[in-house]
Structure formats: structure tokens, C-alpha cells
Amino acid sequence: MKLFFSSTYFFLFCLLALAASAADPCTAKADLLDEIKKRGEIVIGTEARFPPFEFVENGKIVGYSADMLELIMKDLPGVKVNRLDLPWQGILPGLAAGKFDYVVTSVTATRERYERYHMSLPIADATVAMLVKADSPYTTPESLAGATVGSQVGSAQLLALRELSKRLESQGQKAVKDKEYVSFDEAYADLAAGRLQGVSQSFPNLSDAVKKRPNLFRIITPPYGPPVYFSWAARKDAESASLAAFFDAGLRKLNENGRMKALQEKWFGFVMDVPSDELPVPVQ
């Protein structure tokens, strides 16, 4: 009988200790925004090879997103921005693994990403279009059936290109031969050299490529992919919710006060109407 009561008391003691531990805020995971304020630094993941959204100039990350980030961070005084320049392929896996706090780079808001991460309010249109040489005979994306088209490995633009290939094959035509690149700059170089017949990329980025080399490239319009937006990204967990809300509030303010459109005019030469209230659920 003594053994029974001893075991029972020990079991109850363990339950009480566990409950106390769960109730103790010191043992719970810290709110990420509060943690950032305490350490005085936020670590941002970026792929700075995506002009004019983000790119390196004179050793500094500049561009459309950099300007918006600077404005938003004014609402977080005393916090230093540590912005890591990483290959695109490591951005979202690095976020998921906790290598950095938030992603400020042009993340196409696909359905899969929407379900796995907290995708921010839209920062720009991301509809996919096709870039070709100015003197090429191609007039529609479908006219590139059987041709070789480049895009970035692991990108939504590559997926859109492969969907185009499936559609062409279902119509009895040749598929587009896709070629993967680590960065879009490499694909543009191969297009200019004649090693590709096209590049699948988001319309705003292609506008920048044509702006820089108007006699070399042109865009086949209208864009061929489904309507989609660029966003930033946070982890989709309770600890990151406050940080995600902070950036959404900042983007909403820039959208509604006209600063976002002013920066679009500065970096793209045109403005894009994007929702300020919520990110539409992606089609694909």
C-alpha cells in the first residue's frame, strides 16, 4: 500500500511540475518581434540578384524592396538590419530552418508557399511573361514550341514555363525545352548570345531588362501566366505572427499613402495596382 501511494504522489508531482513549466513564460518560445527588439537586430534573407527589386550596387543592396524596407524599419527604431545575400534556392529553406527572421526578397506567392509560409501583402505584380531578342520571329509564348527557353531553377517562373509546355503538348505541339539557371542574369546572357530563344520571368523584371537593353530584347505581351503577386515571407508559427503583422502593417501603409506607387515609378517606370487589404489566395 505504501508503494502505491508513493507512486501516485510521484505521478501527481510530475503532472504539477509539467503544468507549471507550461505556464511559465520563461520556458515558452519568445515572441519573435519582442526578441528582435531586445537584441537590437533583425536578420533578413535576400537574393540580391533580382533587379530592380534587389541587387548589389557599390557593395550595398539596393532596389525597390530595399527602399520599402528602409521606410518600414523606421517604425522599429533602434533595430539594426542585418541583410544576408543568399542564392534563391536557400531562401525559403533557410527561413523554415530559422537561419534568419524574415525574408525580404521577391517571393512569388504560389499556392504551396501560401499554405506553408506567411506570405505578406503584395509588393508587386508577378505575372509571368516571355523575353525574346528584339529581332526574333516569336510573337506569342505558344510560338516558342520546340524552342529552348531559360528560367531560374526552383522558381515559379520555371513552373509556369513547364505548364506552358504541358498545354502545348496537349494540343499536339512540341513542348518548350526548358533550361535551368542559378540566376536570371545568366539566362539573359545566353539569350543575348543566341544560346536561348527566350527567358521566362516576371513581367516587372523583364521590363527592367528591356529598359537597360532596348535594342536587344523585347517582351512578348500579354503575359502568359495566371495573375500572381510578389510577396515577402515569414514563418507560419505563433512566434512569428507579430513580426509578420508588423511588416504587413508597414506594407499596407506604403500602399495606402502612395509611397509604394512612387517607388514603383522610380524603379520600374510604371505603377502596379496591388491589393492593400489582403493577399488573394493564389490560383496555382
Protein backbone atom coordinates (compact mmCIF):
# COMPACT_ATOMS: atom_id res chain seq x y z
CA MET A 1 0.00 0.00 0.00
CA LYS A 2 2.82 2.34 0.80
CA LEU A 3 4.35 1.73 -2.62
CA PHE A 4 1.03 2.56 -4.31
CA PHE A 5 0.72 5.94 -2.58
CA SER A 6 4.36 6.82 -3.23
CA SER A 7 4.00 6.11 -6.94
CA THR A 8 0.74 8.03 -7.10
CA TYR A 9 2.21 11.07 -5.36
CA PHE A 10 5.22 10.99 -7.62
CA PHE A 11 2.97 10.86 -10.69
CA LEU A 12 0.89 13.83 -9.45
CA PHE A 13 4.05 15.76 -8.66
CA CYS A 14 5.26 15.26 -12.23
CA LEU A 15 1.95 16.45 -13.64
CA LEU A 16 2.00 19.58 -11.49
CA ALA A 17 5.61 20.30 -12.44
CA LEU A 18 4.77 19.91 -16.12
CA ALA A 19 1.77 22.24 -15.82
CA ALA A 20 3.88 24.84 -14.01
CA SER A 21 6.52 24.63 -16.68
CA ALA A 22 3.95 25.15 -19.44
CA ALA A 23 2.55 28.17 -17.62
CA ASP A 24 5.99 29.67 -17.06
CA PRO A 25 6.63 32.29 -19.75
CA CYS A 26 10.36 31.76 -19.39
CA THR A 27 10.04 28.24 -20.79
CA ALA A 28 7.72 29.20 -23.68
CA LYS A 29 9.16 30.28 -27.00
CA ALA A 30 9.68 34.04 -27.12
CA ASP A 31 7.65 36.32 -29.33
CA LEU A 32 9.95 36.94 -32.31
CA LEU A 33 9.25 40.68 -32.62
CA ASP A 34 9.96 41.20 -28.91
CA GLU A 35 13.12 39.13 -29.23
CA ILE A 36 14.28 41.27 -32.17
CA LYS A 37 13.68 44.46 -30.18
CA LYS A 38 15.69 43.09 -27.26
CA ARG A 39 18.67 42.00 -29.34
CA GLY A 40 18.51 45.21 -31.42
CA GLU A 41 18.92 43.38 -34.72
CA ILE A 42 16.75 41.72 -37.34
CA VAL A 43 18.25 39.16 -39.71
CA ILE A 44 16.77 39.33 -43.22
CA GLY A 45 17.20 36.78 -46.02
CA THR A 46 17.53 38.23 -49.53
CA GLU A 47 18.55 37.19 -53.02
CA ALA A 48 20.22 40.37 -54.25
CA ARG A 49 20.35 39.32 -57.90
CA PHE A 50 16.82 40.25 -58.93
CA PRO A 51 16.86 43.82 -60.31
CA PRO A 52 15.19 46.18 -59.90
CA PHE A 53 13.68 44.59 -56.78
CA GLU A 54 17.00 43.89 -55.07
CA PHE A 55 20.56 43.97 -56.37
CA VAL A 56 24.06 44.97 -55.29
CA GLU A 57 25.47 48.33 -56.27
CA ASN A 58 28.77 49.63 -54.88
CA GLY A 59 28.76 46.85 -52.30
CA LYS A 60 25.28 47.70 -50.99
CA ILE A 61 21.91 46.00 -51.51
CA VAL A 62 19.66 48.48 -53.27
CA GLY A 63 16.41 48.46 -55.22
CA TYR A 64 12.65 48.65 -54.83
CA SER A 65 12.48 46.28 -51.84
CA ALA A 66 15.45 47.93 -50.15
CA ASP A 67 13.71 51.31 -50.28
CA MET A 68 10.49 49.87 -48.85
CA LEU A 69 12.36 48.01 -46.11
CA GLU A 70 14.14 51.20 -45.07
CA LEU A 71 10.82 53.07 -44.75
CA ILE A 72 9.13 50.27 -42.80
CA MET A 73 12.05 49.87 -40.39
CA LYS A 74 11.59 53.47 -39.26
CA ASP A 75 8.73 52.07 -37.17
CA LEU A 76 11.23 49.81 -35.39
CA PRO A 77 13.77 52.36 -34.04
CA GLY A 78 16.95 51.06 -32.53
CA VAL A 79 16.87 47.82 -34.52
CA LYS A 80 19.76 47.20 -36.94
CA VAL A 81 19.06 45.37 -40.21
CA ASN A 82 21.45 42.51 -40.97
CA ARG A 83 20.54 41.62 -44.57
CA LEU A 84 22.04 38.37 -45.87
CA ASP A 85 22.57 37.98 -49.63
CA LEU A 86 21.88 34.33 -50.46
CA PRO A 87 21.14 32.19 -53.53
CA TRP A 88 17.41 31.92 -54.18
CA GLN A 89 17.48 28.15 -53.66
CA GLY A 90 18.41 28.65 -49.99
CA ILE A 91 15.98 31.45 -49.12
CA LEU A 92 12.79 29.65 -48.10
CA PRO A 93 14.54 26.55 -46.68
CA GLY A 94 16.71 28.90 -44.63
CA LEU A 95 13.65 30.71 -43.32
CA ALA A 96 11.98 27.43 -42.36
CA ALA A 97 15.17 26.31 -40.57
CA GLY A 98 15.35 29.53 -38.55
CA LYS A 99 18.54 30.81 -40.20
CA PHE A 100 17.00 34.30 -40.34
CA ASP A 101 13.93 36.11 -39.04
CA TYR A 102 12.18 37.24 -42.21
CA VAL A 103 12.51 37.23 -45.99
CA VAL A 104 12.63 40.48 -47.92
CA THR A 105 13.03 39.36 -51.50
CA SER A 106 10.62 38.84 -54.37
CA VAL A 107 8.81 35.61 -53.48
CA THR A 108 6.14 34.62 -55.97
CA ALA A 109 3.04 33.83 -53.93
CA THR A 110 2.20 30.33 -55.16
CA ARG A 111 -0.47 28.17 -53.50
CA GLU A 112 2.14 25.84 -51.99
CA ARG A 113 4.09 28.74 -50.44
CA TYR A 114 0.87 30.41 -49.30
CA GLU A 115 -0.03 27.29 -47.34
CA ARG A 116 3.43 26.75 -45.85
CA TYR A 117 4.58 30.31 -45.04
CA HIS A 118 3.01 33.58 -44.02
CA MET A 119 3.11 35.45 -47.31
CA SER A 120 2.95 39.20 -46.84
CA LEU A 121 0.63 41.66 -48.52
CA PRO A 122 1.56 42.02 -52.20
CA ILE A 123 4.53 44.20 -53.09
CA ALA A 124 4.19 43.96 -56.89
CA ASP A 125 2.65 42.13 -59.82
CA ALA A 126 4.47 38.86 -60.56
CA THR A 127 2.62 37.62 -63.65
CA VAL A 128 5.00 35.66 -65.89
CA ALA A 129 5.91 36.84 -69.38
CA MET A 130 8.41 35.87 -72.07
CA LEU A 131 11.55 37.76 -73.06
CA VAL A 132 12.97 37.28 -76.57
CA LYS A 133 15.55 39.02 -78.73
CA ALA A 134 14.27 42.15 -80.43
CA ASP A 135 14.76 40.72 -83.92
CA SER A 136 13.35 37.25 -83.20
CA PRO A 137 10.31 35.92 -85.13
CA TYR A 138 8.39 34.88 -82.00
CA THR A 139 5.13 36.75 -81.40
CA THR A 140 3.36 34.62 -78.78
CA PRO A 141 4.55 32.29 -76.00
CA GLU A 142 3.00 29.41 -77.97
CA SER A 143 5.15 30.24 -80.99
CA LEU A 144 8.17 29.11 -78.93
CA ALA A 145 7.02 25.47 -79.17
CA GLY A 146 10.14 23.35 -79.66
CA ALA A 147 12.45 26.27 -78.78
CA THR A 148 14.78 26.46 -75.76
CA VAL A 149 13.73 28.86 -73.01
CA GLY A 150 15.63 29.61 -69.82
CA SER A 151 14.43 30.32 -66.30
CA GLN A 152 15.70 30.10 -62.72
CA VAL A 153 15.92 26.73 -61.02
CA GLY A 154 13.25 26.27 -58.36
CA SER A 155 11.33 29.38 -59.43
CA ALA A 156 7.63 29.92 -60.03
CA GLN A 157 8.57 31.25 -63.47
CA LEU A 158 10.07 27.86 -64.34
CA LEU A 159 6.88 26.14 -63.20
CA ALA A 160 4.82 28.48 -65.39
CA LEU A 161 7.07 27.61 -68.34
CA ARG A 162 6.53 23.90 -67.74
CA GLU A 163 2.77 24.44 -67.56
CA LEU A 164 3.01 26.12 -70.97
CA SER A 165 4.84 23.04 -72.27
CA LYS A 166 2.10 20.75 -70.95
CA ARG A 167 -0.54 22.88 -72.64
CA LEU A 168 1.33 22.80 -75.95
CA GLU A 169 1.74 19.02 -75.77
CA SER A 170 -1.98 18.58 -75.02
CA GLN A 171 -2.64 20.48 -78.25
CA GLY A 172 -0.37 18.19 -80.26
CA GLN A 173 2.53 20.66 -80.46
CA LYS A 174 6.13 20.34 -79.36
CA ALA A 175 6.96 21.21 -75.76
CA VAL A 176 9.23 24.11 -74.90
CA LYS A 177 12.70 22.87 -73.93
CA ASP A 178 13.45 24.49 -70.58
CA LYS A 179 16.95 25.20 -69.36
CA GLU A 180 17.61 25.96 -65.68
CA TYR A 181 19.90 28.72 -64.39
CA VAL A 182 21.07 29.69 -60.91
CA SER A 183 20.36 33.36 -61.69
CA PHE A 184 18.35 35.15 -64.35
CA ASP A 185 21.39 37.23 -65.35
CA GLU A 186 22.96 34.05 -66.74
CA ALA A 187 19.80 33.33 -68.74
CA TYR A 188 19.76 36.88 -70.16
CA ALA A 189 23.39 36.49 -71.21
CA ASP A 190 22.64 33.23 -73.03
CA LEU A 191 19.61 34.80 -74.72
CA ALA A 192 21.75 37.70 -75.92
CA ALA A 193 24.36 35.22 -77.22
CA GLY A 194 21.75 33.19 -79.10
CA ARG A 195 22.04 30.09 -76.92
CA LEU A 196 18.40 30.53 -75.87
CA GLN A 197 15.31 31.63 -77.76
CA GLY A 198 13.53 33.05 -74.72
CA VAL A 199 13.55 33.66 -70.97
CA SER A 200 10.53 33.06 -68.72
CA GLN A 201 10.45 35.69 -65.99
CA SER A 202 8.01 38.01 -64.21
CA PHE A 203 6.82 40.97 -66.24
CA PRO A 204 8.25 43.73 -63.95
CA ASN A 205 11.74 42.18 -64.05
CA LEU A 206 11.60 41.81 -67.83
CA SER A 207 10.60 45.45 -68.14
CA ASP A 208 13.82 46.35 -66.35
CA ALA A 209 15.85 44.11 -68.69
CA VAL A 210 14.32 45.79 -71.75
CA LYS A 211 14.80 49.24 -70.23
CA LYS A 212 18.52 48.55 -69.89
CA ARG A 213 18.92 46.97 -73.36
CA PRO A 214 16.01 48.22 -75.53
CA ASN A 215 17.70 47.38 -78.83
CA LEU A 216 18.50 43.83 -77.78
CA PHE A 217 15.38 42.50 -76.01
CA ARG A 218 11.61 42.78 -76.21
CA ILE A 219 8.73 41.29 -74.20
CA ILE A 220 6.01 39.18 -75.74
CA THR A 221 2.75 40.62 -74.41
CA PRO A 222 0.37 39.99 -72.81
CA PRO A 223 1.95 37.92 -70.00
CA TYR A 224 1.14 34.24 -70.35
CA GLY A 225 0.94 33.08 -66.73
CA PRO A 226 -2.03 33.33 -64.33
CA PRO A 227 -2.36 36.53 -62.24
CA VAL A 228 0.02 36.31 -59.29
CA TYR A 229 1.83 38.64 -56.89
CA PHE A 230 5.24 39.04 -55.32
CA SER A 231 5.32 38.98 -51.51
CA TRP A 232 7.76 38.83 -48.63
CA ALA A 233 7.65 35.89 -46.22
CA ALA A 234 7.67 34.87 -42.56
CA ARG A 235 7.45 31.55 -40.82
CA LYS A 236 3.85 30.46 -40.25
CA ASP A 237 4.03 29.90 -36.50
CA ALA A 238 2.80 31.62 -33.35
CA GLU A 239 6.23 33.08 -32.52
CA SER A 240 6.49 34.82 -35.91
CA ALA A 241 2.91 36.14 -36.04
CA SER A 242 3.71 39.54 -34.53
CA LEU A 243 6.65 40.10 -36.91
CA ALA A 244 4.54 39.11 -39.91
CA ALA A 245 1.82 41.54 -38.75
CA PHE A 246 4.43 44.32 -38.36
CA PHE A 247 5.58 44.00 -41.96
CA ASP A 248 2.02 43.68 -43.28
CA ALA A 249 1.10 46.89 -41.48
CA GLY A 250 4.14 48.63 -42.97
CA LEU A 251 3.34 47.48 -46.50
CA ARG A 252 -0.31 48.48 -46.08
CA LYS A 253 0.74 51.97 -45.03
CA LEU A 254 3.11 52.35 -48.01
CA ASN A 255 0.39 51.15 -50.38
CA GLU A 256 -2.31 53.44 -48.99
CA ASN A 257 -0.19 56.59 -48.62
CA GLY A 258 1.16 56.36 -52.19
CA ARG A 259 4.81 55.70 -51.30
CA MET A 260 4.69 52.21 -52.85
CA LYS A 261 3.48 53.56 -56.19
CA ALA A 262 6.13 56.31 -56.08
CA LEU A 263 8.84 53.68 -55.62
CA GLN A 264 7.38 51.59 -58.45
CA GLU A 265 7.58 54.61 -60.72
CA LYS A 266 11.18 55.16 -59.60
CA TRP A 267 12.37 51.59 -60.14
CA PHE A 268 10.09 50.24 -62.90
CA GLY A 269 8.89 53.31 -64.76
CA PHE A 270 5.24 52.35 -64.22
CA VAL A 271 2.87 51.60 -61.34
CA MET A 272 1.13 48.35 -60.40
CA ASP A 273 -2.21 48.19 -58.62
CA VAL A 274 -1.84 45.60 -55.87
CA PRO A 275 -4.28 44.88 -53.01
CA SER A 276 -3.61 46.68 -49.73
CA ASP A 277 -6.06 44.69 -47.61
CA GLU A 278 -5.02 41.07 -48.20
CA LEU A 279 -3.08 38.74 -50.46
CA PRO A 280 -5.52 36.95 -52.79
CA VAL A 281 -5.36 33.19 -52.44
CA PRO A 282 -3.07 32.01 -55.27
CA VAL A 283 -4.65 30.02 -58.09
CA GLN A 284 -1.65 27.72 -58.50
